[in-house]
Protein backbone atom coordinates (compact mmCIF):
# COMPACT_ATOMS: atom_id res chain seq x y z
CA MET A 1 -77.47 20.98 -3.17
CA SER A 2 -76.84 24.18 -1.21
CA LEU A 3 -74.24 26.78 -2.17
CA ALA A 4 -72.15 25.93 0.91
CA ALA A 5 -72.15 22.21 0.05
CA ARG A 6 -71.15 22.94 -3.56
CA LEU A 7 -68.36 25.23 -2.36
CA LEU A 8 -67.04 22.61 0.08
CA ASN A 9 -67.21 19.91 -2.61
CA THR A 10 -65.26 22.16 -4.99
CA ILE A 11 -62.59 22.81 -2.34
CA GLU A 12 -62.38 19.07 -1.69
CA ARG A 13 -62.03 18.26 -5.41
CA VAL A 14 -59.23 20.82 -5.83
CA GLY A 15 -57.51 19.59 -2.67
CA ASN A 16 -57.68 15.98 -3.87
CA ARG A 17 -55.75 16.99 -7.02
CA LEU A 18 -52.81 18.20 -4.94
CA PRO A 19 -49.92 15.80 -4.56
CA ASP A 20 -49.28 14.06 -1.28
CA PRO A 21 -48.09 16.53 1.40
CA VAL A 22 -44.88 14.53 1.82
CA PHE A 23 -43.95 15.29 -1.78
CA LEU A 24 -44.91 18.94 -1.39
CA PHE A 25 -42.51 19.23 1.55
CA LEU A 26 -39.78 17.34 -0.31
CA TRP A 27 -40.12 19.66 -3.32
CA LEU A 28 -40.01 22.72 -1.09
CA ILE A 29 -36.91 21.38 0.70
CA LEU A 30 -35.20 20.66 -2.63
CA GLY A 31 -36.15 24.13 -3.88
CA LEU A 32 -34.67 25.69 -0.74
CA ILE A 33 -31.45 23.70 -1.16
CA VAL A 34 -31.15 24.86 -4.78
CA LEU A 35 -31.87 28.45 -3.75
CA SER A 36 -29.16 28.26 -1.06
CA LEU A 37 -26.67 26.91 -3.62
CA VAL A 38 -27.51 29.73 -6.04
CA GLY A 39 -27.36 32.37 -3.30
CA ALA A 40 -24.00 31.13 -2.00
CA GLY A 41 -22.62 30.86 -5.54
CA LEU A 42 -23.67 34.41 -6.45
CA GLY A 43 -22.51 35.84 -3.12
CA TRP A 44 -25.88 37.08 -1.89
CA SER A 45 -25.83 39.00 1.35
CA ALA A 46 -28.12 41.07 3.55
CA VAL A 47 -27.78 43.36 6.54
CA ASN A 48 -29.47 42.34 9.78
CA PRO A 49 -31.63 45.40 10.57
CA VAL A 50 -31.37 44.86 14.33
CA THR A 51 -27.65 44.26 14.78
CA GLY A 52 -26.30 45.74 11.55
CA ASP A 53 -24.27 42.57 10.89
CA LEU A 54 -23.65 41.48 7.30
CA LEU A 55 -25.16 38.05 6.64
CA GLN A 56 -23.78 35.96 3.78
CA ALA A 57 -25.84 33.32 1.96
CA GLU A 58 -24.47 29.87 2.74
CA SER A 59 -25.16 26.58 0.98
CA LEU A 60 -27.27 24.14 2.96
CA LEU A 61 -25.02 21.41 1.57
CA SER A 62 -21.82 22.90 3.02
CA PRO A 63 -19.88 20.57 5.33
CA ALA A 64 -20.62 22.77 8.37
CA ASN A 65 -24.38 22.76 7.70
CA LEU A 66 -24.50 19.02 7.02
CA GLU A 67 -22.56 18.38 10.23
CA ARG A 68 -24.93 20.65 12.17
CA LEU A 69 -27.92 18.83 10.67
CA PHE A 70 -26.85 15.26 11.41
CA ILE A 71 -25.11 15.83 14.74
CA GLY A 72 -27.70 18.26 16.11
CA MET A 73 -30.82 16.42 14.93
CA PRO A 74 -31.24 14.10 17.94
CA ARG A 75 -30.83 16.99 20.38
CA THR A 76 -33.30 19.12 18.40
CA LEU A 77 -35.90 16.35 18.49
CA ALA A 78 -35.27 15.58 22.16
CA ASP A 79 -35.56 19.25 23.15
CA PHE A 80 -38.85 19.81 21.30
CA PRO A 81 -41.44 19.63 24.14
CA PRO A 82 -44.64 18.88 22.19
CA LEU A 83 -43.10 15.93 20.33
CA GLY A 84 -43.55 13.38 23.15
CA ILE A 85 -47.20 14.21 23.77
CA VAL A 86 -47.96 14.32 20.03
CA ILE A 87 -46.44 10.88 19.45
CA THR A 88 -48.32 9.47 22.44
CA ILE A 89 -51.62 10.94 21.25
CA ILE A 90 -51.06 9.70 17.69
CA TYR A 91 -50.37 6.17 18.97
CA GLY A 92 -53.50 6.23 21.11
CA ALA A 93 -55.63 7.68 18.32
CA SER A 94 -54.29 5.07 15.87
CA VAL A 95 -55.18 2.21 18.19
CA ALA A 96 -58.60 3.71 18.88
CA GLU A 97 -59.26 4.17 15.15
CA ARG A 98 -58.11 0.68 14.11
CA THR A 99 -60.09 -1.08 16.87
CA GLY A 100 -63.25 0.84 15.98
CA MET A 101 -63.42 2.66 19.30
CA PHE A 102 -63.56 6.13 17.67
CA SER A 103 -66.41 5.31 15.32
CA THR A 104 -68.38 3.56 18.06
CA ALA A 105 -67.84 6.37 20.56
CA ILE A 106 -68.69 9.06 18.01
CA ARG A 107 -71.83 7.27 16.86
CA GLY A 108 -72.86 6.69 20.47
CA ALA A 109 -72.29 10.31 21.42
CA LEU A 110 -74.03 11.64 18.33
CA LEU A 111 -76.91 9.20 18.37
CA ASN A 112 -78.99 11.27 20.78
CA ALA A 113 -77.31 14.66 20.26
CA PRO A 114 -79.24 17.15 18.13
CA ARG A 115 -77.41 17.93 14.91
CA PHE A 116 -77.54 21.70 15.48
CA ILE A 117 -75.45 21.41 18.64
CA LEU A 118 -72.53 19.65 16.89
CA THR A 119 -70.79 22.84 15.78
CA PRO A 120 -70.95 24.51 19.21
CA ILE A 121 -69.57 21.33 20.82
CA VAL A 122 -66.63 21.26 18.40
CA VAL A 123 -65.98 24.98 18.88
CA VAL A 124 -66.00 24.88 22.69
CA THR A 125 -63.89 21.71 22.75
CA GLY A 126 -61.39 23.27 20.35
CA MET A 127 -61.22 26.48 22.35
CA VAL A 128 -60.37 24.78 25.63
CA SER A 129 -58.26 21.97 24.14
CA HIS A 130 -54.94 23.74 24.49
CA HIS A 131 -55.29 23.55 28.28
CA ALA A 132 -54.86 19.78 28.00
CA SER A 133 -51.78 19.76 25.75
CA ASP A 134 -49.84 21.59 23.09
CA ALA A 135 -51.00 19.02 20.55
CA SER A 136 -54.51 20.41 20.08
CA TYR A 137 -53.80 21.39 16.46
CA VAL A 138 -52.78 17.80 15.71
CA VAL A 139 -55.66 16.13 17.55
CA VAL A 140 -58.76 18.35 17.62
CA ILE A 141 -58.82 19.53 13.99
CA PRO A 142 -58.80 16.10 12.28
CA LEU A 143 -61.10 14.74 14.98
CA ALA A 144 -63.61 17.52 14.23
CA ALA A 145 -63.60 16.47 10.57
CA VAL A 146 -64.21 12.83 11.54
CA ILE A 147 -67.06 13.83 13.86
CA PHE A 148 -68.72 15.94 11.17
CA ALA A 149 -68.39 13.12 8.63
CA ALA A 150 -69.87 10.59 11.08
CA ALA A 151 -72.82 12.95 11.63
CA GLY A 152 -73.44 13.17 7.88
CA ARG A 153 -72.06 16.69 7.53
CA HIS A 154 -69.22 17.78 5.27
CA PRO A 155 -65.84 16.98 6.87
CA LEU A 156 -64.26 20.20 5.55
CA ALA A 157 -66.79 22.17 7.57
CA GLY A 158 -65.67 20.26 10.67
CA LEU A 159 -62.03 20.86 9.75
CA ALA A 160 -62.66 24.59 9.42
CA ALA A 161 -64.64 24.75 12.67
CA GLY A 162 -61.94 22.84 14.54
CA PHE A 163 -59.14 25.00 13.13
CA ALA A 164 -60.94 28.25 13.92
CA ALA A 165 -61.78 27.06 17.44
CA VAL A 166 -58.26 25.90 18.30
CA SER A 167 -56.68 29.03 16.82
CA GLY A 168 -59.18 31.27 18.56
CA GLY A 169 -58.69 29.38 21.81
CA TYR A 170 -55.00 30.26 21.82
CA ALA A 171 -55.77 33.94 21.30
CA GLY A 172 -58.74 34.27 23.64
CA ASN A 173 -60.35 31.63 25.76
CA LEU A 174 -63.24 31.01 28.10
CA PHE A 175 -60.73 30.17 30.85
CA PRO A 176 -57.55 32.13 31.54
CA ALA A 177 -54.27 30.38 30.86
CA PRO A 178 -50.62 31.34 30.87
CA ALA A 179 -49.42 32.79 27.58
CA THR A 180 -46.15 30.82 27.69
CA ARG A 181 -45.33 27.36 28.90
């Protein structure tokens, strides 16, 4: 087994020992709530370096913050532009995965493609993917891992290639695009 394969297998083993990402986020949220309670209780404050205003630590469980959370949540979700396209793409990808369309299409596309061209295809696709939608991080990166796995290559290598390509595509691209949407 090559050094790269051993390294990717080690990364995968360590990653598999991590708890589910949902629990990681829940623990971080709970930690932040506790930190806000401690900061508010001890009277922590800081000066905004731009405006010079004094900022006081405030509990995330204060009535004003809870009201802002629950009343403002629908508006926050409705005003978040990428959410609609991400949900649509996730629905479509879920249907395609469960019906077997992804695996059939990937196998069909890779059947005659030389293995050495797989990485350049993923990289170019990732670089130009943000022209299609803002959801390229959500779609291209996992799809690259699936494509690499279907081709018999390590999925973490596909994940890394997809992430680097999408990130690099936002910074510099083959085709010019507006910096803001």
